[in-house]
Amino acid sequence: MTIPNENKVNLNFDTANLPVSIKIFQPLLFIDGNGYCCVLGPDPQEGIFGSGNTPDEALFDWDESLRKRIKTTNTDDKVAQYVINCLKTSIDDVW
């Protein structure tokens, strides 16, 4: 997915109030018209997508979409499988 640089929103992923999933996966946050969008993956249709009127709304919508997606995924969903594998690896590294 190609987003013009002027539409990309720089985000400090160390911000305390961000969900851990955003800190781990660092999805792309960008301006789209009058709102904001957040995506991890090749595009909004295949990737994990969130949107909102503010950057925080888009990020928290993305986090909710991620949680729903990994609960309802199948083995053909490459983006969700990537997320699940990363999370499993992170947990295995801790234990």
N, C-alpha and C. Protein backbone atom coordinates (compact mmCIF):
# COMPACT_ATOMS: atom_id res chain seq x y z
N MET A 1 0.85 -1.17 0.00
CA MET A 1 0.00 0.00 0.00
C MET A 1 0.90 1.24 0.00
N THR A 2 0.63 2.13 -0.91
CA THR A 2 1.44 3.34 -1.01
C THR A 2 0.65 4.53 -0.49
N ILE A 3 1.20 5.16 0.53
CA ILE A 3 0.60 6.35 1.14
C ILE A 3 1.58 7.50 0.93
N PRO A 4 1.13 8.63 0.40
CA PRO A 4 2.04 9.77 0.27
C PRO A 4 2.62 10.16 1.63
N ASN A 5 3.89 10.53 1.64
CA ASN A 5 4.56 10.88 2.90
C ASN A 5 3.83 11.96 3.68
N GLU A 6 3.24 12.93 2.97
CA GLU A 6 2.56 14.01 3.67
C GLU A 6 1.30 13.54 4.39
N ASN A 7 0.80 12.35 4.07
CA ASN A 7 -0.38 11.81 4.75
C ASN A 7 -0.02 10.89 5.93
N LYS A 8 1.23 10.48 5.99
CA LYS A 8 1.65 9.60 7.08
C LYS A 8 1.77 10.40 8.37
N VAL A 9 1.34 9.79 9.45
CA VAL A 9 1.41 10.43 10.76
C VAL A 9 2.54 9.76 11.55
N ASN A 10 3.52 10.55 11.95
CA ASN A 10 4.59 10.03 12.79
C ASN A 10 4.04 9.78 14.19
N LEU A 11 4.36 8.64 14.72
CA LEU A 11 3.80 8.24 16.00
C LEU A 11 4.91 7.76 16.92
N ASN A 12 4.88 8.22 18.16
CA ASN A 12 5.81 7.74 19.17
C ASN A 12 5.21 6.48 19.78
N PHE A 13 5.75 5.33 19.41
CA PHE A 13 5.19 4.06 19.86
C PHE A 13 5.51 3.77 21.32
N ASP A 14 6.27 4.62 21.98
CA ASP A 14 6.56 4.46 23.40
C ASP A 14 5.56 5.18 24.29
N THR A 15 4.56 5.83 23.68
CA THR A 15 3.55 6.54 24.45
C THR A 15 2.84 5.58 25.39
N ALA A 16 2.70 5.98 26.63
CA ALA A 16 2.19 5.09 27.68
C ALA A 16 0.77 4.59 27.43
N ASN A 17 -0.11 5.40 26.87
CA ASN A 17 -1.51 4.99 26.78
C ASN A 17 -1.84 4.13 25.57
N LEU A 18 -0.86 3.79 24.75
CA LEU A 18 -1.13 2.96 23.57
C LEU A 18 -1.27 1.50 23.96
N PRO A 19 -2.18 0.79 23.31
CA PRO A 19 -2.27 -0.66 23.53
C PRO A 19 -0.96 -1.35 23.16
N VAL A 20 -0.66 -2.42 23.83
CA VAL A 20 0.58 -3.17 23.59
C VAL A 20 0.65 -3.64 22.14
N SER A 21 -0.49 -4.00 21.57
CA SER A 21 -0.49 -4.49 20.18
C SER A 21 0.06 -3.43 19.22
N ILE A 22 -0.25 -2.18 19.47
CA ILE A 22 0.24 -1.10 18.61
C ILE A 22 1.74 -0.92 18.80
N LYS A 23 2.19 -1.05 20.02
CA LYS A 23 3.63 -0.95 20.28
C LYS A 23 4.40 -2.08 19.62
N ILE A 24 3.82 -3.26 19.59
CA ILE A 24 4.49 -4.42 19.00
C ILE A 24 4.49 -4.34 17.47
N PHE A 25 3.31 -4.11 16.87
CA PHE A 25 3.18 -4.22 15.41
C PHE A 25 3.38 -2.90 14.66
N GLN A 26 3.30 -1.79 15.35
CA GLN A 26 3.53 -0.47 14.76
C GLN A 26 2.85 -0.30 13.40
N PRO A 27 1.52 -0.38 13.39
CA PRO A 27 0.80 -0.22 12.13
C PRO A 27 0.97 1.19 11.57
N LEU A 28 0.73 1.32 10.28
CA LEU A 28 0.84 2.61 9.60
C LEU A 28 -0.39 3.45 9.94
N LEU A 29 -0.15 4.66 10.41
CA LEU A 29 -1.21 5.62 10.72
C LEU A 29 -1.13 6.73 9.69
N PHE A 30 -2.28 7.06 9.08
CA PHE A 30 -2.26 8.09 8.04
C PHE A 30 -3.57 8.86 8.00
N ILE A 31 -3.47 10.05 7.42
CA ILE A 31 -4.64 10.91 7.25
C ILE A 31 -5.35 10.48 5.97
N ASP A 32 -6.67 10.37 6.07
CA ASP A 32 -7.49 10.01 4.91
C ASP A 32 -8.70 10.93 4.89
N GLY A 33 -8.64 11.93 4.07
CA GLY A 33 -9.73 12.91 4.03
C GLY A 33 -9.76 13.70 5.32
N ASN A 34 -10.90 13.68 6.01
CA ASN A 34 -11.04 14.39 7.28
C ASN A 34 -10.78 13.51 8.50
N GLY A 35 -10.41 12.25 8.26
CA GLY A 35 -10.18 11.32 9.36
C GLY A 35 -8.82 10.68 9.31
N TYR A 36 -8.67 9.65 10.11
CA TYR A 36 -7.41 8.93 10.22
C TYR A 36 -7.66 7.45 10.02
N CYS A 37 -6.67 6.78 9.45
CA CYS A 37 -6.74 5.35 9.24
C CYS A 37 -5.46 4.70 9.74
N CYS A 38 -5.58 3.44 10.07
CA CYS A 38 -4.46 2.68 10.61
C CYS A 38 -4.52 1.30 9.98
N VAL A 39 -3.40 0.81 9.44
CA VAL A 39 -3.42 -0.48 8.76
C VAL A 39 -2.11 -1.23 8.98
N LEU A 40 -2.25 -2.54 9.09
CA LEU A 40 -1.11 -3.46 9.09
C LEU A 40 -1.42 -4.48 8.01
N GLY A 41 -0.61 -4.51 6.99
CA GLY A 41 -0.85 -5.43 5.89
C GLY A 41 -0.80 -4.71 4.57
N PRO A 42 -1.09 -5.43 3.49
CA PRO A 42 -0.92 -4.87 2.16
C PRO A 42 -1.92 -3.76 1.79
N ASP A 43 -3.11 -3.80 2.38
CA ASP A 43 -4.13 -2.80 2.08
C ASP A 43 -5.27 -2.95 3.10
N PRO A 44 -6.21 -2.01 3.13
CA PRO A 44 -7.29 -2.09 4.13
C PRO A 44 -8.18 -3.34 4.00
N GLN A 45 -8.31 -3.88 2.80
CA GLN A 45 -9.17 -5.06 2.62
C GLN A 45 -8.53 -6.33 3.17
N GLU A 46 -7.26 -6.54 2.92
CA GLU A 46 -6.58 -7.74 3.39
C GLU A 46 -5.93 -7.55 4.75
N GLY A 47 -5.53 -6.34 5.04
CA GLY A 47 -4.82 -6.07 6.28
C GLY A 47 -5.77 -5.88 7.45
N ILE A 48 -5.18 -5.59 8.58
CA ILE A 48 -5.95 -5.24 9.78
C ILE A 48 -6.09 -3.73 9.75
N PHE A 49 -7.33 -3.26 9.83
CA PHE A 49 -7.64 -1.86 9.54
C PHE A 49 -8.46 -1.24 10.66
N GLY A 50 -8.17 0.03 10.93
CA GLY A 50 -8.96 0.81 11.88
C GLY A 50 -9.09 2.23 11.38
N SER A 51 -10.12 2.93 11.82
CA SER A 51 -10.30 4.32 11.41
C SER A 51 -10.98 5.11 12.51
N GLY A 52 -10.87 6.43 12.41
CA GLY A 52 -11.51 7.28 13.40
C GLY A 52 -11.31 8.75 13.05
N ASN A 53 -11.95 9.60 13.83
CA ASN A 53 -11.86 11.04 13.62
C ASN A 53 -10.56 11.64 14.14
N THR A 54 -9.88 10.91 15.03
CA THR A 54 -8.62 11.35 15.61
C THR A 54 -7.61 10.21 15.49
N PRO A 55 -6.33 10.51 15.64
CA PRO A 55 -5.34 9.42 15.61
C PRO A 55 -5.63 8.36 16.68
N ASP A 56 -5.96 8.79 17.90
CA ASP A 56 -6.24 7.82 18.96
C ASP A 56 -7.44 6.94 18.63
N GLU A 57 -8.49 7.53 18.07
CA GLU A 57 -9.66 6.73 17.69
C GLU A 57 -9.28 5.68 16.64
N ALA A 58 -8.49 6.07 15.65
CA ALA A 58 -8.06 5.12 14.62
C ALA A 58 -7.20 4.01 15.22
N LEU A 59 -6.30 4.35 16.11
CA LEU A 59 -5.43 3.35 16.74
C LEU A 59 -6.22 2.38 17.60
N PHE A 60 -7.14 2.89 18.39
CA PHE A 60 -7.91 2.01 19.26
C PHE A 60 -8.91 1.17 18.46
N ASP A 61 -9.42 1.69 17.34
CA ASP A 61 -10.26 0.91 16.44
C ASP A 61 -9.44 -0.21 15.80
N TRP A 62 -8.20 0.11 15.43
CA TRP A 62 -7.30 -0.89 14.86
C TRP A 62 -7.05 -2.01 15.87
N ASP A 63 -6.79 -1.65 17.11
CA ASP A 63 -6.54 -2.64 18.16
C ASP A 63 -7.75 -3.56 18.32
N GLU A 64 -8.94 -2.99 18.30
CA GLU A 64 -10.17 -3.79 18.40
C GLU A 64 -10.31 -4.72 17.19
N SER A 65 -10.00 -4.20 16.01
CA SER A 65 -10.06 -5.02 14.79
C SER A 65 -9.07 -6.17 14.85
N LEU A 66 -7.87 -5.90 15.37
CA LEU A 66 -6.86 -6.95 15.51
C LEU A 66 -7.37 -8.05 16.43
N ARG A 67 -7.93 -7.67 17.56
CA ARG A 67 -8.41 -8.67 18.52
C ARG A 67 -9.53 -9.52 17.93
N LYS A 68 -10.44 -8.91 17.21
CA LYS A 68 -11.52 -9.66 16.56
C LYS A 68 -10.96 -10.59 15.48
N ARG A 69 -10.02 -10.07 14.73
CA ARG A 69 -9.47 -10.83 13.60
C ARG A 69 -8.74 -12.08 14.05
N ILE A 70 -7.95 -11.99 15.11
CA ILE A 70 -7.20 -13.18 15.52
C ILE A 70 -8.09 -14.21 16.21
N LYS A 71 -9.26 -13.78 16.69
CA LYS A 71 -10.19 -14.73 17.29
C LYS A 71 -10.99 -15.47 16.23
N THR A 72 -11.14 -14.90 15.05
CA THR A 72 -12.00 -15.50 14.02
C THR A 72 -11.23 -15.89 12.77
N THR A 73 -9.93 -16.00 12.86
CA THR A 73 -9.12 -16.23 11.67
C THR A 73 -9.14 -17.69 11.21
N ASN A 74 -8.69 -17.87 9.98
CA ASN A 74 -8.45 -19.21 9.45
C ASN A 74 -7.02 -19.24 8.91
N THR A 75 -6.57 -20.39 8.51
CA THR A 75 -5.18 -20.53 8.09
C THR A 75 -4.87 -19.81 6.79
N ASP A 76 -5.88 -19.42 6.03
CA ASP A 76 -5.65 -18.68 4.78
C ASP A 76 -5.43 -17.18 5.00
N ASP A 77 -5.69 -16.69 6.19
CA ASP A 77 -5.55 -15.27 6.51
C ASP A 77 -4.11 -15.00 6.90
N LYS A 78 -3.30 -14.58 5.94
CA LYS A 78 -1.86 -14.44 6.15
C LYS A 78 -1.51 -13.35 7.16
N VAL A 79 -2.25 -12.26 7.14
CA VAL A 79 -1.95 -11.17 8.08
C VAL A 79 -2.25 -11.62 9.51
N ALA A 80 -3.40 -12.23 9.72
CA ALA A 80 -3.76 -12.70 11.06
C ALA A 80 -2.79 -13.79 11.53
N GLN A 81 -2.40 -14.67 10.64
CA GLN A 81 -1.44 -15.71 11.01
C GLN A 81 -0.09 -15.11 11.38
N TYR A 82 0.32 -14.07 10.68
CA TYR A 82 1.56 -13.36 11.02
C TYR A 82 1.47 -12.81 12.44
N VAL A 83 0.36 -12.16 12.77
CA VAL A 83 0.16 -11.58 14.10
C VAL A 83 0.18 -12.68 15.16
N ILE A 84 -0.55 -13.74 14.93
CA ILE A 84 -0.62 -14.85 15.89
C ILE A 84 0.77 -15.45 16.10
N ASN A 85 1.51 -15.67 15.03
CA ASN A 85 2.85 -16.24 15.15
C ASN A 85 3.79 -15.31 15.92
N CYS A 86 3.70 -14.01 15.66
CA CYS A 86 4.53 -13.05 16.39
C CYS A 86 4.19 -13.06 17.87
N LEU A 87 2.92 -13.11 18.18
CA LEU A 87 2.50 -13.11 19.59
C LEU A 87 2.94 -14.40 20.28
N LYS A 88 2.82 -15.52 19.60
CA LYS A 88 3.27 -16.79 20.18
C LYS A 88 4.78 -16.76 20.43
N THR A 89 5.52 -16.23 19.48
CA THR A 89 6.98 -16.13 19.63
C THR A 89 7.33 -15.24 20.81
N SER A 90 6.62 -14.13 20.95
CA SER A 90 6.87 -13.22 22.07
C SER A 90 6.60 -13.89 23.40
N ILE A 91 5.53 -14.65 23.49
CA ILE A 91 5.18 -15.35 24.73
C ILE A 91 6.22 -16.43 25.02
N ASP A 92 6.60 -17.18 23.97
CA ASP A 92 7.60 -18.23 24.16
C ASP A 92 8.93 -17.66 24.62
N ASP A 93 9.29 -16.47 24.12
CA ASP A 93 10.55 -15.85 24.53
C ASP A 93 10.53 -15.45 26.01
N VAL A 94 9.36 -15.06 26.49
CA VAL A 94 9.24 -14.65 27.88
C VAL A 94 9.31 -15.86 28.81
N TRP A 95 8.70 -16.95 28.42
CA TRP A 95 8.64 -18.12 29.28
C TRP A 95 9.79 -19.04 28.96
